[in-house]
Amino acid sequence: MRRRIFVVLLAAALLAACGGAGDTGGGGSGEARTVQHAMGETEVPERPERVVVLDTGELDSAITLGVTPVGAVEAVEGLGYPSYLDEHTQGVENVGTIEEPNLERIAALEPDLILSSKLRHEAIYDELSQIAPTVFTETTGVTWKENFEVHAEALGREEEAERVVSEYEARMREFREALGEDPPEVSVVRFLPGDTRIYQKESFIGTVLEDAGLPRPEAQDVEDFAMLNVSREAIPEMGGDVIFYTVYGPEDETTLDEITSDPLWRQLEAVREGRAYRVSDDLWMLGIGYTAANGVIDDLERYILEG
């Protein structure tokens, strides 16, 4: 039944000139450009107007570039869009979750561009491409800057992207100058339902901290994503001059209390001296874009430069 409903809606969307991978789509300027991406080449409108984004990084990119999507997914059903983008996501239609985008809802919006990644949605790329021109990056997270360039090209916003990158780089230079010659080691920990993670360098937040000139404790100064599912015995690996930690999902279902109530946590120097700070998971973990990165810099200035 679900499949039949989708086929009917898809047919209606195509009749309404929603567009396929080789068409200009249902909006935009009427002209088309060819964009190379992780799945090949796709013809997209010169300036897409009805954009659907299927991950948080794509949402950040679109809004950073001045495009309000007509549709977007949630990271987790019922939790909404990242809170730091609240004022920019009013009226954006929910089209499911990252794990399960709702193809019927997407088709009904008659988009002229869909943005996602091969990592997330390779299995439904063909179906998405029948709805509208679809552009994928290879993956997400550590490649967020390269992804932004792909998003900017697909959206026809290359000039805006150059300005965004230039402003970010200038802000990082100012931060590093203010930081001085003896920067603190920064530790990053994330508490999730049934999982505690210690973040390393091959992650969105790892690249932002590197841009900021902030060293990492030895266990985190590793070209890898994160230490996953760590136990209480790994609490000493969470130590640093400063600890930033985030909470993902309903707090009472996460490992936050289990770890932070442990004597080993309370013995960490940063905890004893009041330099363990809870920060926004939406900014530090889910945002994966330049607007989120600037929010992280705000936190670094507040807690390291001003604290």
Protein backbone atom coordinates (compact mmCIF):
# COMPACT_ATOMS: atom_id res chain seq x y z
CA MET A 1 0.00 0.00 0.00
CA ARG A 2 2.78 2.46 0.98
CA ARG A 3 4.54 1.78 -2.33
CA ARG A 4 1.35 2.31 -4.37
CA ILE A 5 0.67 5.63 -2.62
CA PHE A 6 4.19 6.77 -3.42
CA VAL A 7 3.85 5.86 -7.09
CA VAL A 8 0.61 7.84 -7.38
CA LEU A 9 2.08 10.90 -5.70
CA LEU A 10 5.27 10.62 -7.70
CA ALA A 11 3.33 10.53 -10.94
CA ALA A 12 1.37 13.61 -9.86
CA ALA A 13 4.57 15.41 -8.95
CA LEU A 14 6.14 14.61 -12.30
CA LEU A 15 3.04 15.83 -14.15
CA ALA A 16 3.36 19.06 -12.18
CA ALA A 17 6.88 19.41 -13.64
CA CYS A 18 8.64 18.60 -10.40
CA GLY A 19 11.44 17.33 -12.61
CA GLY A 20 13.84 14.41 -12.81
CA ALA A 21 17.58 14.22 -12.49
CA GLY A 22 18.04 15.50 -16.01
CA ASP A 23 15.40 18.26 -15.83
CA THR A 24 15.50 21.79 -14.48
CA GLY A 25 12.87 21.00 -11.86
CA GLY A 26 9.65 22.72 -10.85
CA GLY A 27 11.17 26.08 -9.90
CA GLY A 28 14.32 28.10 -10.24
CA SER A 29 15.27 30.40 -13.08
CA GLY A 30 14.33 28.05 -15.94
CA GLU A 31 17.97 27.60 -16.95
CA ALA A 32 19.99 24.56 -15.94
CA ARG A 33 23.53 23.78 -14.86
CA THR A 34 25.41 20.50 -14.58
CA VAL A 35 26.69 19.66 -11.10
CA GLN A 36 29.17 16.85 -10.53
CA HIS A 37 28.69 15.04 -7.23
CA ALA A 38 29.11 11.71 -5.44
CA MET A 39 26.55 9.94 -7.62
CA GLY A 40 27.59 11.36 -10.99
CA GLU A 41 26.25 14.41 -12.83
CA THR A 42 22.89 16.13 -12.38
CA GLU A 43 21.19 18.99 -14.19
CA VAL A 44 19.94 21.51 -11.65
CA PRO A 45 18.14 24.87 -11.97
CA GLU A 46 20.28 27.99 -12.05
CA ARG A 47 18.83 29.17 -8.72
CA PRO A 48 16.71 26.45 -7.07
CA GLU A 49 13.73 27.80 -5.17
CA ARG A 50 12.08 24.72 -3.67
CA VAL A 51 14.83 22.80 -1.89
CA VAL A 52 14.48 19.69 0.28
CA VAL A 53 17.35 18.73 2.59
CA LEU A 54 17.78 15.28 4.10
CA ASP A 55 20.40 15.84 6.81
CA THR A 56 21.38 18.48 9.34
CA GLY A 57 24.52 19.52 7.47
CA GLU A 58 22.51 20.21 4.34
CA LEU A 59 20.01 22.22 6.41
CA ASP A 60 22.82 24.31 7.89
CA SER A 61 24.36 24.89 4.44
CA ALA A 62 21.10 25.99 2.85
CA ILE A 63 20.23 28.45 5.61
CA THR A 64 23.80 29.74 5.81
CA LEU A 65 23.54 30.53 2.09
CA GLY A 66 20.21 32.32 2.48
CA VAL A 67 17.95 29.50 1.27
CA THR A 68 15.01 28.40 3.42
CA PRO A 69 14.16 24.81 2.42
CA VAL A 70 10.57 23.86 1.73
CA GLY A 71 11.21 20.52 3.45
CA ALA A 72 13.71 18.95 5.83
CA VAL A 73 14.16 15.84 7.96
CA GLU A 74 14.54 15.58 11.71
CA ALA A 75 17.52 13.79 13.23
CA VAL A 76 15.13 11.99 15.58
CA GLU A 77 11.37 11.86 15.18
CA GLY A 78 9.65 14.43 17.34
CA LEU A 79 12.77 16.40 18.30
CA GLY A 80 12.43 18.98 15.52
CA TYR A 81 15.19 20.82 13.74
CA PRO A 82 18.45 22.00 15.39
CA SER A 83 17.52 24.66 17.95
CA TYR A 84 20.14 27.16 16.79
CA LEU A 85 18.26 27.42 13.48
CA ASP A 86 14.82 27.93 15.06
CA GLU A 87 14.22 31.42 13.67
CA HIS A 88 15.08 30.21 10.16
CA THR A 89 13.01 27.00 10.05
CA GLN A 90 9.53 28.35 10.67
CA GLY A 91 7.21 26.83 8.07
CA VAL A 92 9.72 24.24 6.82
CA GLU A 93 7.77 21.05 6.15
CA ASN A 94 8.80 17.91 8.04
CA VAL A 95 9.59 15.11 5.56
CA GLY A 96 10.50 12.35 8.01
CA THR A 97 13.76 11.50 9.71
CA ILE A 98 17.33 11.12 8.47
CA GLU A 99 16.94 7.33 8.71
CA GLU A 100 13.52 7.28 7.01
CA PRO A 101 12.79 10.20 4.68
CA ASN A 102 9.14 10.18 3.62
CA LEU A 103 9.22 10.02 -0.17
CA GLU A 104 5.51 10.81 -0.49
CA ARG A 105 5.87 14.04 1.50
CA ILE A 106 8.95 15.00 -0.50
CA ALA A 107 7.17 14.47 -3.83
CA ALA A 108 4.13 16.43 -2.66
CA LEU A 109 6.35 19.49 -2.07
CA GLU A 110 7.36 19.53 -5.75
CA PRO A 111 11.00 20.38 -5.03
CA ASP A 112 13.42 21.54 -7.70
CA LEU A 113 16.48 20.27 -5.76
CA ILE A 114 17.16 17.60 -3.14
CA LEU A 115 20.38 17.59 -1.11
CA SER A 116 21.78 14.67 0.89
CA SER A 117 24.77 12.32 0.98
CA LYS A 118 25.71 8.91 -0.36
CA LEU A 119 26.43 7.80 3.19
CA ARG A 120 22.88 8.50 4.30
CA HIS A 121 20.67 7.78 1.32
CA GLU A 122 22.47 5.95 -1.48
CA ALA A 123 19.76 3.24 -1.38
CA ILE A 124 17.00 5.70 -2.36
CA TYR A 125 18.96 7.94 -4.72
CA ASP A 126 17.16 6.68 -7.82
CA GLU A 127 13.75 7.29 -6.25
CA LEU A 128 14.75 10.76 -5.11
CA SER A 129 16.08 11.55 -8.59
CA GLN A 130 12.70 10.72 -10.08
CA ILE A 131 11.17 13.36 -7.84
CA ALA A 132 13.69 16.17 -8.48
CA PRO A 133 17.31 16.84 -9.37
CA THR A 134 19.27 15.25 -6.52
CA VAL A 135 22.83 16.12 -5.47
CA PHE A 136 24.78 13.99 -3.00
CA THR A 137 28.06 14.49 -1.20
CA GLU A 138 30.07 11.37 -0.43
CA THR A 139 29.75 11.46 3.36
CA THR A 140 29.20 13.87 6.25
CA GLY A 141 30.99 15.09 9.36
CA VAL A 142 34.70 15.68 8.82
CA THR A 143 34.14 16.62 5.15
CA TRP A 144 31.73 19.43 6.03
CA LYS A 145 33.75 22.15 4.28
CA GLU A 146 33.98 20.22 1.01
CA ASN A 147 30.28 19.37 1.32
CA PHE A 148 29.47 23.06 1.70
CA GLU A 149 31.14 23.77 -1.63
CA VAL A 150 28.99 21.11 -3.31
CA HIS A 151 25.85 22.49 -1.67
CA ALA A 152 26.75 26.03 -2.75
CA GLU A 153 27.27 24.96 -6.35
CA ALA A 154 23.99 23.02 -6.42
CA LEU A 155 22.15 26.01 -4.95
CA GLY A 156 23.81 28.49 -7.32
CA ARG A 157 25.25 30.38 -4.37
CA GLU A 158 28.99 30.23 -4.95
CA GLU A 159 29.57 33.93 -4.31
CA GLU A 160 27.71 33.77 -1.00
CA ALA A 161 29.77 30.70 -0.07
CA GLU A 162 33.05 32.53 -0.68
CA ARG A 163 31.95 35.27 1.70
CA VAL A 164 30.91 32.73 4.37
CA VAL A 165 34.26 30.90 4.19
CA SER A 166 36.26 34.12 4.23
CA GLU A 167 34.43 35.40 7.31
CA TYR A 168 34.90 32.09 9.13
CA GLU A 169 38.62 32.02 8.38
CA ALA A 170 39.03 35.63 9.52
CA ARG A 171 37.20 34.90 12.74
CA MET A 172 39.42 31.88 13.41
CA ARG A 173 42.55 33.96 12.86
CA GLU A 174 41.31 36.47 15.42
CA PHE A 175 40.53 33.69 17.89
CA ARG A 176 43.98 32.13 17.54
CA GLU A 177 45.65 35.49 18.04
CA ALA A 178 43.61 36.08 21.21
CA LEU A 179 44.38 32.57 22.41
CA GLY A 180 48.09 33.24 22.74
CA GLU A 181 51.00 30.82 22.80
CA ASP A 182 49.83 28.45 25.55
CA PRO A 183 46.36 27.20 24.53
CA PRO A 184 44.53 24.74 26.78
CA GLU A 185 43.97 21.11 25.83
CA VAL A 186 40.31 20.64 25.00
CA SER A 187 38.39 17.43 25.63
CA VAL A 188 35.02 16.65 24.00
CA VAL A 189 32.56 14.09 25.38
CA ARG A 190 29.06 13.19 24.22
CA PHE A 191 26.39 11.37 26.22
CA LEU A 192 23.76 9.43 24.24
CA PRO A 193 21.16 6.80 25.11
CA GLY A 194 23.27 3.76 26.04
CA ASP A 195 26.50 5.23 24.66
CA THR A 196 29.28 7.52 25.83
CA ARG A 197 31.67 8.91 23.22
CA ILE A 198 35.00 10.66 23.48
CA TYR A 199 35.51 12.67 20.29
CA GLN A 200 38.77 12.66 18.38
CA LYS A 201 40.01 14.61 15.36
CA GLU A 202 38.17 13.05 12.40
CA SER A 203 34.85 14.71 13.17
CA PHE A 204 33.10 18.01 12.57
CA ILE A 205 33.98 19.30 16.02
CA GLY A 206 37.51 17.95 15.69
CA THR A 207 38.13 20.08 12.61
CA VAL A 208 36.66 23.20 14.22
CA LEU A 209 38.91 22.81 17.26
CA GLU A 210 41.90 22.29 14.99
CA ASP A 211 41.00 25.45 13.04
CA ALA A 212 40.85 27.25 16.39
CA GLY A 213 44.38 26.13 17.28
CA LEU A 214 43.23 24.15 20.31
CA PRO A 215 45.26 21.03 21.14
CA ARG A 216 43.65 17.81 22.29
CA PRO A 217 44.54 15.43 25.13
CA GLU A 218 46.70 12.50 24.03
CA ALA A 219 43.82 10.00 23.83
CA GLN A 220 41.88 12.39 21.60
CA ASP A 221 44.78 13.60 19.46
CA VAL A 222 44.10 10.78 17.04
CA GLU A 223 43.11 10.76 13.36
CA ASP A 224 39.90 8.90 14.08
CA PHE A 225 36.24 9.75 14.68
CA ALA A 226 35.62 8.87 18.33
CA MET A 227 36.01 6.33 21.09
CA LEU A 228 32.57 4.72 21.14
CA ASN A 229 30.62 2.97 23.89
CA VAL A 230 33.25 3.74 26.50
CA SER A 231 32.74 2.57 30.08
CA ARG A 232 33.41 4.31 33.39
CA GLU A 233 36.95 2.97 33.25
CA ALA A 234 37.60 5.33 30.34
CA ILE A 235 36.72 8.46 32.33
CA PRO A 236 40.41 9.40 32.78
CA GLU A 237 40.61 9.62 28.96
CA MET A 238 38.01 12.41 29.16
CA GLY A 239 40.38 14.68 31.04
CA GLY A 240 41.77 17.92 29.63
CA ASP A 241 42.41 21.49 30.68
CA VAL A 242 38.84 22.17 29.56
CA ILE A 243 36.04 19.65 29.00
CA PHE A 244 33.10 20.34 26.74
CA TYR A 245 30.27 17.82 26.87
CA THR A 246 26.94 17.45 25.09
CA VAL A 247 23.79 15.40 25.57
CA TYR A 248 21.87 13.81 22.69
CA GLY A 249 18.31 12.60 23.14
CA PRO A 250 16.15 12.47 26.28
CA GLU A 251 18.59 13.21 29.10
CA ASP A 252 17.24 10.56 31.47
CA GLU A 253 17.90 7.90 28.83
CA THR A 254 21.52 8.90 28.28
CA THR A 255 24.68 7.98 30.17
CA LEU A 256 25.09 11.52 31.56
CA ASP A 257 24.22 10.77 35.19
CA GLU A 258 26.06 7.45 35.15
CA ILE A 259 29.33 9.11 34.14
CA THR A 260 29.11 12.48 35.86
CA SER A 261 28.12 10.95 39.22
CA ASP A 262 31.13 8.64 39.17
CA PRO A 263 34.03 9.53 41.51
CA LEU A 264 36.45 9.25 38.59
CA TRP A 265 34.62 12.06 36.79
CA ARG A 266 34.61 14.26 39.88
CA GLN A 267 38.36 13.71 40.23
CA LEU A 268 39.14 15.13 36.79
CA GLU A 269 41.04 18.40 37.16
CA ALA A 270 38.76 20.30 34.79
CA VAL A 271 35.71 19.15 36.75
CA ARG A 272 37.26 20.01 40.13
CA GLU A 273 38.20 23.48 38.93
CA GLY A 274 34.89 24.24 37.24
CA ARG A 275 36.12 24.01 33.67
CA ALA A 276 33.71 21.32 32.46
CA TYR A 277 30.99 22.95 30.37
CA ARG A 278 27.80 21.55 28.92
CA VAL A 279 27.24 22.91 25.42
CA SER A 280 24.62 22.48 22.71
CA ASP A 281 24.62 19.10 20.97
CA ASP A 282 22.85 20.74 18.05
CA LEU A 283 25.79 23.10 17.53
CA TRP A 284 28.73 20.89 18.42
CA MET A 285 27.54 17.59 16.94
CA LEU A 286 24.51 17.88 14.66
CA GLY A 287 25.04 21.20 12.89
CA ILE A 288 27.94 20.20 10.66
CA GLY A 289 28.08 23.52 8.83
CA TYR A 290 29.37 27.08 8.96
CA THR A 291 26.51 28.52 11.02
CA ALA A 292 27.02 25.78 13.60
CA ALA A 293 30.79 26.30 13.51
CA ASN A 294 30.34 29.97 14.28
CA GLY A 295 28.16 28.99 17.23
CA VAL A 296 30.98 26.76 18.47
CA ILE A 297 33.37 29.72 18.21
CA ASP A 298 30.94 31.73 20.36
CA ASP A 299 31.23 29.02 23.02
CA LEU A 300 35.02 28.89 22.76
CA GLU A 301 35.25 32.64 23.21
CA ARG A 302 32.88 32.56 26.17
CA TYR A 303 34.48 29.70 28.06
CA ILE A 304 38.14 29.93 27.08
CA LEU A 305 38.88 33.57 26.23
CA GLU A 306 36.42 35.18 28.65
CA GLY A 307 36.24 32.40 31.23
